[in-house]
Amino acid sequence: GTGHGGDQVRRGSLNIYQLFKDLTRTMMDKEHILYCDCAYYDFLDPGLKSRIIRAVQGSEREWSLVPDLCGLCADGDERLIQWAGHEKLIIIACCPRAVKWLFHAGGVELKEQKVEFFNARDEDDVQKLFDRFSSPTSEKETPACEKNSDWVPWFPVIDYSRCINCSKCLDFCLFGTYELSTEGRVEVRHPEACKTNCPACARVCPQSAIIFPKHDEPPINGAEVAESEQNAPGTVHVDHEELVNGDIYEKLRNRGAGKRFSQDAPPEGKINEVRKILGIPEDVMADLSPQEISRIRKNIKGDKTAPSEPQRGDDDSR
């Protein structure tokens, strides 16, 4: 009788174990991992990238590896809808705020209660990632993730939970990246027009609502903005009126026309000071054309339709 009872206990234990495995498998089947390799920038050591990918492979979950999430969102890739539709989506990329508004820019709203974010540039998050997946290594060969375009996907995304639609980014942008919607809301319409590594519009935003996911400085890179940190590095709210109404644009026009030593231009030191404050790369400043400067001056004079009262955008509108 004792032996028979022992068999029943063992069979019961096996059944419970199998049930646990089945439940775990079901939960894993509902999870999808999206990993962005950020192939155009060397934010991560190649060895660390390989470790992360092997951890994802070893998790036995369904997963997607993309060269650059920014580029997919700029193109409105149809896979964004598929990924957002999973019961549970695990995103390994950059700052969660940046990822959320990148998806928004691509026409897809992420339901945050269904998403788990891991910032691959944050050491603590990377460790949590390895802790989350108990198998940090895999015997599988690490797949290559090649750049899929000559265009470097550097462009701003707008955090509409912070944006007050003041249009300062639109007025200041030198390259026509922004436009107003028919409802009068500022939108990023031409991401490809933005100049690589230029974050100037983010520095004139009074709300830290402009995000450049590939920037390395918070909160421009999408790091959360604490109200107590409004004057911290990265929240340099440059006096927009002083810049656009000053001699800076005359100097830029002269540069665009090849007249680098105009007698009427302000001192080179002043220009470099402004350039450094705004974080504008030297090659971008030197390559501005007279047409670009003319367009900016036209916008500054008010030759555009703008909302009479700035209003904070909400998360559900686009």
C-alpha atoms as a PDB file:
ATOM      1  CA  GLY A   1       0.000   0.000   0.000  1.00  0.00           C
ATOM      2  CA  THR A   2       2.852   2.381   0.831  1.00  0.00           C
ATOM      3  CA  GLY A   3       4.534   1.849  -2.548  1.00  0.00           C
ATOM      4  CA  HIS A   4       1.304   2.475  -4.430  1.00  0.00           C
ATOM      5  CA  GLY A   5       0.679   5.659  -2.460  1.00  0.00           C
ATOM      6  CA  GLY A   6       4.208   6.807  -3.173  1.00  0.00           C
ATOM      7  CA  ASP A   7       3.598   6.319  -6.898  1.00  0.00           C
ATOM      8  CA  GLN A   8       0.493   8.484  -6.665  1.00  0.00           C
ATOM      9  CA  VAL A   9       2.429  11.246  -4.911  1.00  0.00           C
ATOM     10  CA  ARG A  10       5.161  11.117  -7.546  1.00  0.00           C
ATOM     11  CA  ARG A  11       2.593  11.150 -10.367  1.00  0.00           C
ATOM     12  CA  GLY A  12       0.837  14.088  -8.696  1.00  0.00           C
ATOM     13  CA  SER A  13       4.117  15.971  -8.405  1.00  0.00           C
ATOM     14  CA  LEU A  14       4.894  15.287 -12.046  1.00  0.00           C
ATOM     15  CA  ASN A  15       1.452  16.531 -13.074  1.00  0.00           C
ATOM     16  CA  ILE A  16       1.900  19.757 -11.094  1.00  0.00           C
ATOM     17  CA  TYR A  17       5.360  20.243 -12.599  1.00  0.00           C
ATOM     18  CA  GLN A  18       3.997  19.667 -16.105  1.00  0.00           C
ATOM     19  CA  LEU A  19       1.151  22.095 -15.434  1.00  0.00           C
ATOM     20  CA  PHE A  20       3.655  24.701 -14.266  1.00  0.00           C
ATOM     21  CA  LYS A  21       5.762  24.140 -17.387  1.00  0.00           C
ATOM     22  CA  ASP A  22       2.696  24.438 -19.622  1.00  0.00           C
ATOM     23  CA  LEU A  23       1.613  27.668 -17.941  1.00  0.00           C
ATOM     24  CA  THR A  24       5.126  29.074 -18.218  1.00  0.00           C
ATOM     25  CA  ARG A  25       5.286  28.078 -21.887  1.00  0.00           C
ATOM     26  CA  THR A  26       1.909  29.728 -22.520  1.00  0.00           C
ATOM     27  CA  MET A  27       3.092  32.957 -20.901  1.00  0.00           C
ATOM     28  CA  MET A  28       6.325  32.888 -22.882  1.00  0.00           C
ATOM     29  CA  ASP A  29       4.416  32.282 -26.105  1.00  0.00           C
ATOM     30  CA  LYS A  30       2.451  35.489 -25.472  1.00  0.00           C
ATOM     31  CA  GLU A  31       5.635  37.512 -25.038  1.00  0.00           C
ATOM     32  CA  HIS A  32       7.548  39.016 -27.920  1.00  0.00           C
ATOM     33  CA  ILE A  33      10.990  40.601 -27.613  1.00  0.00           C
ATOM     34  CA  LEU A  34      11.980  43.511 -29.842  1.00  0.00           C
ATOM     35  CA  TYR A  35      15.687  44.340 -29.850  1.00  0.00           C
ATOM     36  CA  CYS A  36      17.029  47.481 -31.540  1.00  0.00           C
ATOM     37  CA  ASP A  37      20.697  47.211 -32.482  1.00  0.00           C
ATOM     38  CA  CYS A  38      21.090  50.983 -33.088  1.00  0.00           C
ATOM     39  CA  ALA A  39      23.478  49.997 -35.863  1.00  0.00           C
ATOM     40  CA  TYR A  40      24.410  53.554 -36.870  1.00  0.00           C
ATOM     41  CA  TYR A  41      25.887  54.517 -33.485  1.00  0.00           C
ATOM     42  CA  ASP A  42      28.406  52.755 -31.261  1.00  0.00           C
ATOM     43  CA  PHE A  43      26.635  53.206 -27.953  1.00  0.00           C
ATOM     44  CA  LEU A  44      27.374  49.654 -26.848  1.00  0.00           C
ATOM     45  CA  ASP A  45      30.521  47.570 -26.900  1.00  0.00           C
ATOM     46  CA  PRO A  46      30.150  44.846 -29.580  1.00  0.00           C
ATOM     47  CA  GLY A  47      30.777  42.210 -26.924  1.00  0.00           C
ATOM     48  CA  LEU A  48      27.913  43.518 -24.795  1.00  0.00           C
ATOM     49  CA  LYS A  49      25.619  43.601 -27.824  1.00  0.00           C
ATOM     50  CA  SER A  50      26.431  39.941 -28.479  1.00  0.00           C
ATOM     51  CA  ARG A  51      25.721  39.044 -24.844  1.00  0.00           C
ATOM     52  CA  ILE A  52      22.331  40.745 -24.981  1.00  0.00           C
ATOM     53  CA  ILE A  53      21.412  38.970 -28.211  1.00  0.00           C
ATOM     54  CA  ARG A  54      22.513  35.610 -26.817  1.00  0.00           C
ATOM     55  CA  ALA A  55      20.408  36.240 -23.698  1.00  0.00           C
ATOM     56  CA  VAL A  56      17.402  36.955 -25.906  1.00  0.00           C
ATOM     57  CA  GLN A  57      18.056  33.822 -27.944  1.00  0.00           C
ATOM     58  CA  GLY A  58      18.384  31.748 -24.782  1.00  0.00           C
ATOM     59  CA  SER A  59      15.052  33.037 -23.447  1.00  0.00           C
ATOM     60  CA  GLU A  60      13.203  30.770 -25.910  1.00  0.00           C
ATOM     61  CA  ARG A  61      10.769  33.566 -26.654  1.00  0.00           C
ATOM     62  CA  GLU A  62       9.702  34.833 -30.033  1.00  0.00           C
ATOM     63  CA  TRP A  63      11.839  37.837 -30.908  1.00  0.00           C
ATOM     64  CA  SER A  64      12.698  40.392 -33.575  1.00  0.00           C
ATOM     65  CA  LEU A  65      16.074  41.966 -34.236  1.00  0.00           C
ATOM     66  CA  VAL A  66      16.048  45.300 -36.090  1.00  0.00           C
ATOM     67  CA  PRO A  67      19.047  47.414 -37.162  1.00  0.00           C
ATOM     68  CA  ASP A  68      17.458  50.708 -36.154  1.00  0.00           C
ATOM     69  CA  LEU A  69      14.048  51.350 -34.607  1.00  0.00           C
ATOM     70  CA  CYS A  70      14.205  55.070 -35.417  1.00  0.00           C
ATOM     71  CA  GLY A  71      14.359  54.338 -39.137  1.00  0.00           C
ATOM     72  CA  LEU A  72      11.384  51.958 -38.957  1.00  0.00           C
ATOM     73  CA  CYS A  73       9.305  54.541 -37.103  1.00  0.00           C
ATOM     74  CA  ALA A  74      10.233  57.268 -39.592  1.00  0.00           C
ATOM     75  CA  ASP A  75       8.994  54.976 -42.375  1.00  0.00           C
ATOM     76  CA  GLY A  76       5.839  53.951 -40.506  1.00  0.00           C
ATOM     77  CA  ASP A  77       6.827  50.297 -40.877  1.00  0.00           C
ATOM     78  CA  GLU A  78       3.789  47.982 -40.698  1.00  0.00           C
ATOM     79  CA  ARG A  79       5.588  45.739 -38.209  1.00  0.00           C
ATOM     80  CA  LEU A  80       5.122  48.418 -35.550  1.00  0.00           C
ATOM     81  CA  ILE A  81       1.414  47.523 -35.413  1.00  0.00           C
ATOM     82  CA  GLN A  82       2.206  43.812 -35.150  1.00  0.00           C
ATOM     83  CA  TRP A  83       4.670  44.319 -32.309  1.00  0.00           C
ATOM     84  CA  ALA A  84       2.338  46.633 -30.398  1.00  0.00           C
ATOM     85  CA  GLY A  85      -0.445  44.055 -30.752  1.00  0.00           C
ATOM     86  CA  HIS A  86       1.324  41.364 -28.699  1.00  0.00           C
ATOM     87  CA  GLU A  87      -0.100  40.425 -25.332  1.00  0.00           C
ATOM     88  CA  LYS A  88       3.287  41.332 -23.846  1.00  0.00           C
ATOM     89  CA  LEU A  89       6.019  43.254 -25.659  1.00  0.00           C
ATOM     90  CA  ILE A  90       9.543  43.453 -24.262  1.00  0.00           C
ATOM     91  CA  ILE A  91      11.524  46.261 -25.899  1.00  0.00           C
ATOM     92  CA  ILE A  92      15.304  46.432 -25.596  1.00  0.00           C
ATOM     93  CA  ALA A  93      16.366  49.765 -27.031  1.00  0.00           C
ATOM     94  CA  CYS A  94      16.971  53.237 -25.587  1.00  0.00           C
ATOM     95  CA  CYS A  95      15.096  55.418 -23.079  1.00  0.00           C
ATOM     96  CA  PRO A  96      11.469  54.283 -22.609  1.00  0.00           C
ATOM     97  CA  ARG A  97      10.118  57.800 -23.191  1.00  0.00           C
ATOM     98  CA  ALA A  98      11.984  57.966 -26.498  1.00  0.00           C
ATOM     99  CA  VAL A  99      10.673  54.559 -27.576  1.00  0.00           C
ATOM    100  CA  LYS A 100       7.084  55.455 -26.676  1.00  0.00           C
ATOM    101  CA  TRP A 101       7.111  58.610 -28.768  1.00  0.00           C
ATOM    102  CA  LEU A 102       9.028  56.957 -31.603  1.00  0.00           C
ATOM    103  CA  PHE A 103       6.155  54.480 -31.942  1.00  0.00           C
ATOM    104  CA  HIS A 104       3.737  57.402 -31.765  1.00  0.00           C
ATOM    105  CA  ALA A 105       5.641  59.113 -34.581  1.00  0.00           C
ATOM    106  CA  GLY A 106       5.273  55.886 -36.565  1.00  0.00           C
ATOM    107  CA  GLY A 107       1.495  55.990 -36.099  1.00  0.00           C
ATOM    108  CA  VAL A 108       1.250  53.402 -33.330  1.00  0.00           C
ATOM    109  CA  GLU A 109       0.323  53.874 -29.674  1.00  0.00           C
ATOM    110  CA  LEU A 110       2.032  51.584 -27.181  1.00  0.00           C
ATOM    111  CA  LYS A 111      -0.119  50.376 -24.294  1.00  0.00           C
ATOM    112  CA  GLU A 112       2.382  50.813 -21.517  1.00  0.00           C
ATOM    113  CA  GLN A 113       0.766  48.206 -19.283  1.00  0.00           C
ATOM    114  CA  LYS A 114       1.622  45.650 -21.976  1.00  0.00           C
ATOM    115  CA  VAL A 115       5.203  46.804 -22.517  1.00  0.00           C
ATOM    116  CA  GLU A 116       8.358  46.115 -20.539  1.00  0.00           C
ATOM    117  CA  PHE A 117      11.255  48.422 -21.384  1.00  0.00           C
ATOM    118  CA  PHE A 118      14.968  47.788 -21.053  1.00  0.00           C
ATOM    119  CA  ASN A 119      17.329  50.665 -21.802  1.00  0.00           C
ATOM    120  CA  ALA A 120      20.372  48.978 -23.342  1.00  0.00           C
ATOM    121  CA  ARG A 121      22.499  52.066 -22.599  1.00  0.00           C
ATOM    122  CA  ASP A 122      21.806  51.839 -18.867  1.00  0.00           C
ATOM    123  CA  GLU A 123      24.037  49.455 -16.906  1.00  0.00           C
ATOM    124  CA  ASP A 124      21.366  48.736 -14.290  1.00  0.00           C
ATOM    125  CA  ASP A 125      18.806  47.941 -16.958  1.00  0.00           C
ATOM    126  CA  VAL A 126      21.220  45.635 -18.750  1.00  0.00           C
ATOM    127  CA  GLN A 127      21.825  43.736 -15.514  1.00  0.00           C
ATOM    128  CA  LYS A 128      18.067  43.502 -14.951  1.00  0.00           C
ATOM    129  CA  LEU A 129      17.804  42.122 -18.470  1.00  0.00           C
ATOM    130  CA  PHE A 130      20.292  39.364 -17.700  1.00  0.00           C
ATOM    131  CA  ASP A 131      18.494  38.674 -14.409  1.00  0.00           C
ATOM    132  CA  ARG A 132      15.143  38.594 -16.218  1.00  0.00           C
ATOM    133  CA  PHE A 133      16.343  35.907 -18.594  1.00  0.00           C
ATOM    134  CA  SER A 134      17.942  33.114 -16.622  1.00  0.00           C
ATOM    135  CA  SER A 135      19.901  31.920 -19.663  1.00  0.00           C
ATOM    136  CA  PRO A 136      22.364  34.758 -20.447  1.00  0.00           C
ATOM    137  CA  THR A 137      24.124  32.677 -23.093  1.00  0.00           C
ATOM    138  CA  SER A 138      23.100  30.668 -26.111  1.00  0.00           C
ATOM    139  CA  GLU A 139      24.978  28.238 -28.314  1.00  0.00           C
ATOM    140  CA  LYS A 140      23.307  29.726 -31.374  1.00  0.00           C
ATOM    141  CA  GLU A 141      25.358  31.922 -33.664  1.00  0.00           C
ATOM    142  CA  THR A 142      24.736  35.615 -33.049  1.00  0.00           C
ATOM    143  CA  PRO A 143      22.934  36.989 -36.123  1.00  0.00           C
ATOM    144  CA  ALA A 144      24.445  39.913 -37.977  1.00  0.00           C
ATOM    145  CA  CYS A 145      22.497  43.159 -37.952  1.00  0.00           C
ATOM    146  CA  GLU A 146      23.529  45.337 -40.867  1.00  0.00           C
ATOM    147  CA  LYS A 147      22.555  48.918 -41.623  1.00  0.00           C
ATOM    148  CA  ASN A 148      19.702  48.866 -44.100  1.00  0.00           C
ATOM    149  CA  SER A 149      20.004  52.415 -45.463  1.00  0.00           C
ATOM    150  CA  ASP A 150      22.557  55.085 -46.322  1.00  0.00           C
ATOM    151  CA  TRP A 151      20.438  57.566 -44.379  1.00  0.00           C
ATOM    152  CA  VAL A 152      21.386  57.892 -40.708  1.00  0.00           C
ATOM    153  CA  PRO A 153      18.008  57.995 -38.902  1.00  0.00           C
ATOM    154  CA  TRP A 154      18.708  61.083 -36.799  1.00  0.00           C
ATOM    155  CA  PHE A 155      15.611  63.209 -36.267  1.00  0.00           C
ATOM    156  CA  PRO A 156      13.454  64.621 -33.455  1.00  0.00           C
ATOM    157  CA  VAL A 157      10.322  63.099 -31.982  1.00  0.00           C
ATOM    158  CA  ILE A 158       7.838  65.104 -29.961  1.00  0.00           C
ATOM    159  CA  ASP A 159       6.660  64.140 -26.499  1.00  0.00           C
ATOM    160  CA  TYR A 160       3.093  65.432 -26.768  1.00  0.00           C
ATOM    161  CA  SER A 161       2.499  64.930 -23.056  1.00  0.00           C
ATOM    162  CA  ARG A 162       4.929  67.836 -22.519  1.00  0.00           C
ATOM    163  CA  CYS A 163       4.484  69.864 -25.711  1.00  0.00           C
ATOM    164  CA  ILE A 164       2.560  73.159 -25.343  1.00  0.00           C
ATOM    165  CA  ASN A 165       2.599  73.825 -29.103  1.00  0.00           C
ATOM    166  CA  CYS A 166       4.584  77.054 -28.748  1.00  0.00           C
ATOM    167  CA  SER A 167       6.129  76.459 -32.224  1.00  0.00           C
ATOM    168  CA  LYS A 168       9.618  77.486 -31.152  1.00  0.00           C
ATOM    169  CA  CYS A 169      11.031  74.302 -32.679  1.00  0.00           C
ATOM    170  CA  LEU A 170       9.249  75.060 -35.947  1.00  0.00           C
ATOM    171  CA  ASP A 171      10.488  78.644 -35.985  1.00  0.00           C
ATOM    172  CA  PHE A 172      14.062  77.769 -35.149  1.00  0.00           C
ATOM    173  CA  CYS A 173      14.607  74.612 -37.210  1.00  0.00           C
ATOM    174  CA  LEU A 174      16.980  75.424 -40.053  1.00  0.00           C
ATOM    175  CA  PHE A 175      15.977  72.575 -42.337  1.00  0.00           C
ATOM    176  CA  GLY A 176      12.191  72.329 -42.646  1.00  0.00           C
ATOM    177  CA  THR A 177      11.861  69.243 -40.460  1.00  0.00           C
ATOM    178  CA  TYR A 178       8.671  70.523 -38.802  1.00  0.00           C
ATOM    179  CA  GLU A 179       5.312  71.595 -40.199  1.00  0.00           C
ATOM    180  CA  LEU A 180       1.924  72.496 -38.772  1.00  0.00           C
ATOM    181  CA  SER A 181      -0.956  70.069 -39.152  1.00  0.00           C
ATOM    182  CA  THR A 182      -4.327  71.270 -40.452  1.00  0.00           C
ATOM    183  CA  GLU A 183      -5.344  71.580 -36.789  1.00  0.00           C
ATOM    184  CA  GLY A 184      -2.362  73.848 -36.132  1.00  0.00           C
ATOM    185  CA  ARG A 185      -0.255  71.349 -34.217  1.00  0.00           C
ATOM    186  CA  VAL A 186       3.500  71.132 -34.696  1.00  0.00           C
ATOM    187  CA  GLU A 187       4.552  67.815 -36.230  1.00  0.00           C
ATOM    188  CA  VAL A 188       7.776  66.252 -37.515  1.00  0.00           C
ATOM    189  CA  ARG A 189       6.863  65.911 -41.181  1.00  0.00           C
ATOM    190  CA  HIS A 190      10.296  65.584 -42.813  1.00  0.00           C
ATOM    191  CA  PRO A 191      12.591  63.563 -40.543  1.00  0.00           C
ATOM    192  CA  GLU A 192      15.045  63.012 -43.374  1.00  0.00           C
ATOM    193  CA  ALA A 193      15.605  66.799 -43.612  1.00  0.00           C
ATOM    194  CA  CYS A 194      17.137  66.954 -40.139  1.00  0.00           C
ATOM    195  CA  LYS A 195      20.919  67.267 -40.054  1.00  0.00           C
ATOM    196  CA  THR A 196      22.753  64.409 -38.363  1.00  0.00           C
ATOM    197  CA  ASN A 197      23.851  65.168 -34.788  1.00  0.00           C
ATOM    198  CA  CYS A 198      22.158  68.584 -34.661  1.00  0.00           C
ATOM    199  CA  PRO A 199      19.932  68.873 -31.532  1.00  0.00           C
ATOM    200  CA  ALA A 200      19.457  72.666 -31.624  1.00  0.00           C
ATOM    201  CA  CYS A 201      15.649  72.637 -31.671  1.00  0.00           C
ATOM    202  CA  ALA A 202      15.595  70.519 -28.503  1.00  0.00           C
ATOM    203  CA  ARG A 203      17.613  73.181 -26.702  1.00  0.00           C
ATOM    204  CA  VAL A 204      15.134  75.953 -27.520  1.00  0.00           C
ATOM    205  CA  CYS A 205      12.156  73.882 -26.361  1.00  0.00           C
ATOM    206  CA  PRO A 206      10.948  75.310 -23.017  1.00  0.00           C
ATOM    207  CA  GLN A 207       9.255  72.014 -22.054  1.00  0.00           C
ATOM    208  CA  SER A 208      11.987  69.483 -22.927  1.00  0.00           C
ATOM    209  CA  ALA A 209       9.426  67.963 -25.267  1.00  0.00           C
ATOM    210  CA  ILE A 210      11.831  67.417 -28.170  1.00  0.00           C
ATOM    211  CA  ILE A 211      13.624  64.074 -28.074  1.00  0.00           C
ATOM    212  CA  PHE A 212      16.577  62.901 -30.128  1.00  0.00           C
ATOM    213  CA  PRO A 213      16.807  59.187 -29.248  1.00  0.00           C
ATOM    214  CA  LYS A 214      20.408  58.945 -30.479  1.00  0.00           C
ATOM    215  CA  HIS A 215      21.656  61.893 -28.423  1.00  0.00           C
ATOM    216  CA  ASP A 216      23.826  61.020 -25.427  1.00  0.00           C
ATOM    217  CA  GLU A 217      22.668  63.807 -23.099  1.00  0.00           C
ATOM    218  CA  PRO A 218      19.562  63.681 -20.885  1.00  0.00           C
ATOM    219  CA  PRO A 219      16.781  64.644 -21.206  1.00  0.00           C
ATOM    220  CA  ILE A 220      17.333  65.286 -24.930  1.00  0.00           C
ATOM    221  CA  ASN A 221      17.859  61.522 -25.338  1.00  0.00           C
ATOM    222  CA  GLY A 222      14.433  60.807 -23.873  1.00  0.00           C
ATOM    223  CA  ALA A 223      15.365  60.365 -20.228  1.00  0.00           C
ATOM    224  CA  GLU A 224      12.555  61.315 -17.872  1.00  0.00           C
ATOM    225  CA  VAL A 225      12.379  64.994 -16.967  1.00  0.00           C
ATOM    226  CA  ALA A 226      11.983  65.750 -13.274  1.00  0.00           C
ATOM    227  CA  GLU A 227      10.447  69.155 -12.681  1.00  0.00           C
ATOM    228  CA  SER A 228      13.206  69.829 -10.152  1.00  0.00           C
ATOM    229  CA  GLU A 229      15.777  69.342 -12.912  1.00  0.00           C
ATOM    230  CA  GLN A 230      14.511  71.952 -15.339  1.00  0.00           C
ATOM    231  CA  ASN A 231      17.838  73.800 -15.170  1.00  0.00           C
ATOM    232  CA  ALA A 232      20.016  70.685 -15.232  1.00  0.00           C
ATOM    233  CA  PRO A 233      22.436  69.977 -18.122  1.00  0.00           C
ATOM    234  CA  GLY A 234      20.428  69.090 -21.193  1.00  0.00           C
ATOM    235  CA  THR A 235      17.549  71.359 -20.235  1.00  0.00           C
ATOM    236  CA  VAL A 236      19.316  74.428 -21.581  1.00  0.00           C
ATOM    237  CA  HIS A 237      16.362  76.516 -22.660  1.00  0.00           C
ATOM    238  CA  VAL A 238      18.118  79.011 -24.892  1.00  0.00           C
ATOM    239  CA  ASP A 239      16.547  82.444 -25.300  1.00  0.00           C
ATOM    240  CA  HIS A 240      14.859  81.845 -28.638  1.00  0.00           C
ATOM    241  CA  GLU A 241      13.980  85.483 -29.347  1.00  0.00           C
ATOM    242  CA  GLU A 242      17.520  86.661 -28.703  1.00  0.00           C
ATOM    243  CA  LEU A 243      18.886  84.100 -31.116  1.00  0.00           C
ATOM    244  CA  VAL A 244      16.443  84.516 -33.980  1.00  0.00           C
ATOM    245  CA  ASN A 245      16.410  88.307 -33.817  1.00  0.00           C
ATOM    246  CA  GLY A 246      20.130  88.761 -33.336  1.00  0.00           C
ATOM    247  CA  ASP A 247      23.045  88.831 -35.738  1.00  0.00           C
ATOM    248  CA  ILE A 248      23.417  85.056 -35.760  1.00  0.00           C
ATOM    249  CA  TYR A 249      21.291  84.650 -38.886  1.00  0.00           C
ATOM    250  CA  GLU A 250      23.210  87.319 -40.776  1.00  0.00           C
ATOM    251  CA  LYS A 251      26.380  85.406 -40.029  1.00  0.00           C
ATOM    252  CA  LEU A 252      24.772  82.174 -41.150  1.00  0.00           C
ATOM    253  CA  ARG A 253      23.628  83.794 -44.390  1.00  0.00           C
ATOM    254  CA  ASN A 254      27.157  85.000 -45.033  1.00  0.00           C
ATOM    255  CA  ARG A 255      28.506  81.513 -44.433  1.00  0.00           C
ATOM    256  CA  GLY A 256      25.947  79.986 -46.761  1.00  0.00           C
ATOM    257  CA  ALA A 257      26.967  82.428 -49.462  1.00  0.00           C
ATOM    258  CA  GLY A 258      30.631  81.739 -48.870  1.00  0.00           C
ATOM    259  CA  LYS A 259      31.275  85.178 -47.350  1.00  0.00           C
ATOM    260  CA  ARG A 260      32.966  83.995 -44.197  1.00  0.00           C
ATOM    261  CA  PHE A 261      34.661  87.303 -43.364  1.00  0.00           C
ATOM    262  CA  SER A 262      31.923  89.875 -43.837  1.00  0.00           C
ATOM    263  CA  GLN A 263      32.779  93.146 -42.072  1.00  0.00           C
ATOM    264  CA  ASP A 264      29.197  93.308 -40.752  1.00  0.00           C
ATOM    265  CA  ALA A 265      29.267  89.840 -39.251  1.00  0.00           C
ATOM    266  CA  PRO A 266      29.594  89.301 -35.492  1.00  0.00           C
ATOM    267  CA  PRO A 267      32.878  87.982 -34.100  1.00  0.00           C
ATOM    268  CA  GLU A 268      33.673  84.351 -34.794  1.00  0.00           C
ATOM    269  CA  GLY A 269      33.885  83.767 -31.036  1.00  0.00           C
ATOM    270  CA  LYS A 270      30.225  84.738 -30.588  1.00  0.00           C
ATOM    271  CA  ILE A 271      29.144  82.380 -33.336  1.00  0.00           C
ATOM    272  CA  ASN A 272      31.099  79.517 -31.828  1.00  0.00           C
ATOM    273  CA  GLU A 273      29.599  80.311 -28.425  1.00  0.00           C
ATOM    274  CA  VAL A 274      26.061  80.072 -29.822  1.00  0.00           C
ATOM    275  CA  ARG A 275      26.945  76.943 -31.790  1.00  0.00           C
ATOM    276  CA  LYS A 276      28.267  75.260 -28.652  1.00  0.00           C
ATOM    277  CA  ILE A 277      25.244  76.249 -26.590  1.00  0.00           C
ATOM    278  CA  LEU A 278      22.928  74.745 -29.166  1.00  0.00           C
ATOM    279  CA  GLY A 279      25.137  71.747 -29.876  1.00  0.00           C
ATOM    280  CA  ILE A 280      25.191  72.385 -33.621  1.00  0.00           C
ATOM    281  CA  PRO A 281      27.995  70.524 -35.425  1.00  0.00           C
ATOM    282  CA  GLU A 282      30.444  72.829 -37.205  1.00  0.00           C
ATOM    283  CA  ASP A 283      29.867  71.232 -40.598  1.00  0.00           C
ATOM    284  CA  VAL A 284      26.113  71.824 -40.308  1.00  0.00           C
ATOM    285  CA  MET A 285      26.603  75.500 -39.544  1.00  0.00           C
ATOM    286  CA  ALA A 286      29.069  75.968 -42.377  1.00  0.00           C
ATOM    287  CA  ASP A 287      26.835  74.307 -44.987  1.00  0.00           C
ATOM    288  CA  LEU A 288      23.690  76.399 -44.525  1.00  0.00           C
ATOM    289  CA  SER A 289      22.488  77.866 -47.787  1.00  0.00           C
ATOM    290  CA  PRO A 290      21.047  81.369 -48.345  1.00  0.00           C
ATOM    291  CA  GLN A 291      17.714  79.695 -49.193  1.00  0.00           C
ATOM    292  CA  GLU A 292      17.616  77.946 -45.827  1.00  0.00           C
ATOM    293  CA  ILE A 293      18.315  81.162 -43.958  1.00  0.00           C
ATOM    294  CA  SER A 294      15.746  83.044 -46.049  1.00  0.00           C
ATOM    295  CA  ARG A 295      13.086  80.486 -45.173  1.00  0.00           C
ATOM    296  CA  ILE A 296      13.872  80.773 -41.478  1.00  0.00           C
ATOM    297  CA  ARG A 297      13.621  84.556 -41.572  1.00  0.00           C
ATOM    298  CA  LYS A 298      10.266  84.286 -43.334  1.00  0.00           C
ATOM    299  CA  ASN A 299       8.959  81.999 -40.600  1.00  0.00           C
ATOM    300  CA  ILE A 300      10.268  84.282 -37.868  1.00  0.00           C
ATOM    301  CA  LYS A 301       8.423  87.251 -39.365  1.00  0.00           C
ATOM    302  CA  GLY A 302       5.163  85.346 -38.952  1.00  0.00           C
ATOM    303  CA  ASP A 303       4.462  84.294 -42.539  1.00  0.00           C
ATOM    304  CA  LYS A 304       2.823  81.091 -41.358  1.00  0.00           C
ATOM    305  CA  THR A 305      -0.409  79.995 -39.756  1.00  0.00           C
ATOM    306  CA  ALA A 306      -0.040  79.252 -36.079  1.00  0.00           C
ATOM    307  CA  PRO A 307      -2.488  78.550 -33.255  1.00  0.00           C
ATOM    308  CA  SER A 308      -3.491  81.664 -31.339  1.00  0.00           C
ATOM    309  CA  GLU A 309      -3.139  79.922 -27.977  1.00  0.00           C
ATOM    310  CA  PRO A 310      -0.596  77.183 -27.373  1.00  0.00           C
ATOM    311  CA  GLN A 311      -2.210  74.076 -25.919  1.00  0.00           C
ATOM    312  CA  ARG A 312      -0.662  71.002 -24.405  1.00  0.00           C
ATOM    313  CA  GLY A 313      -1.112  68.018 -26.698  1.00  0.00           C
ATOM    314  CA  ASP A 314      -2.522  64.821 -25.271  1.00  0.00           C
ATOM    315  CA  ASP A 315      -1.238  61.282 -25.600  1.00  0.00           C
ATOM    316  CA  ASP A 316      -4.118  60.037 -27.727  1.00  0.00           C
ATOM    317  CA  SER A 317      -3.888  62.598 -30.512  1.00  0.00           C
ATOM    318  CA  ARG A 318      -1.445  62.536 -33.301  1.00  0.00           C
END
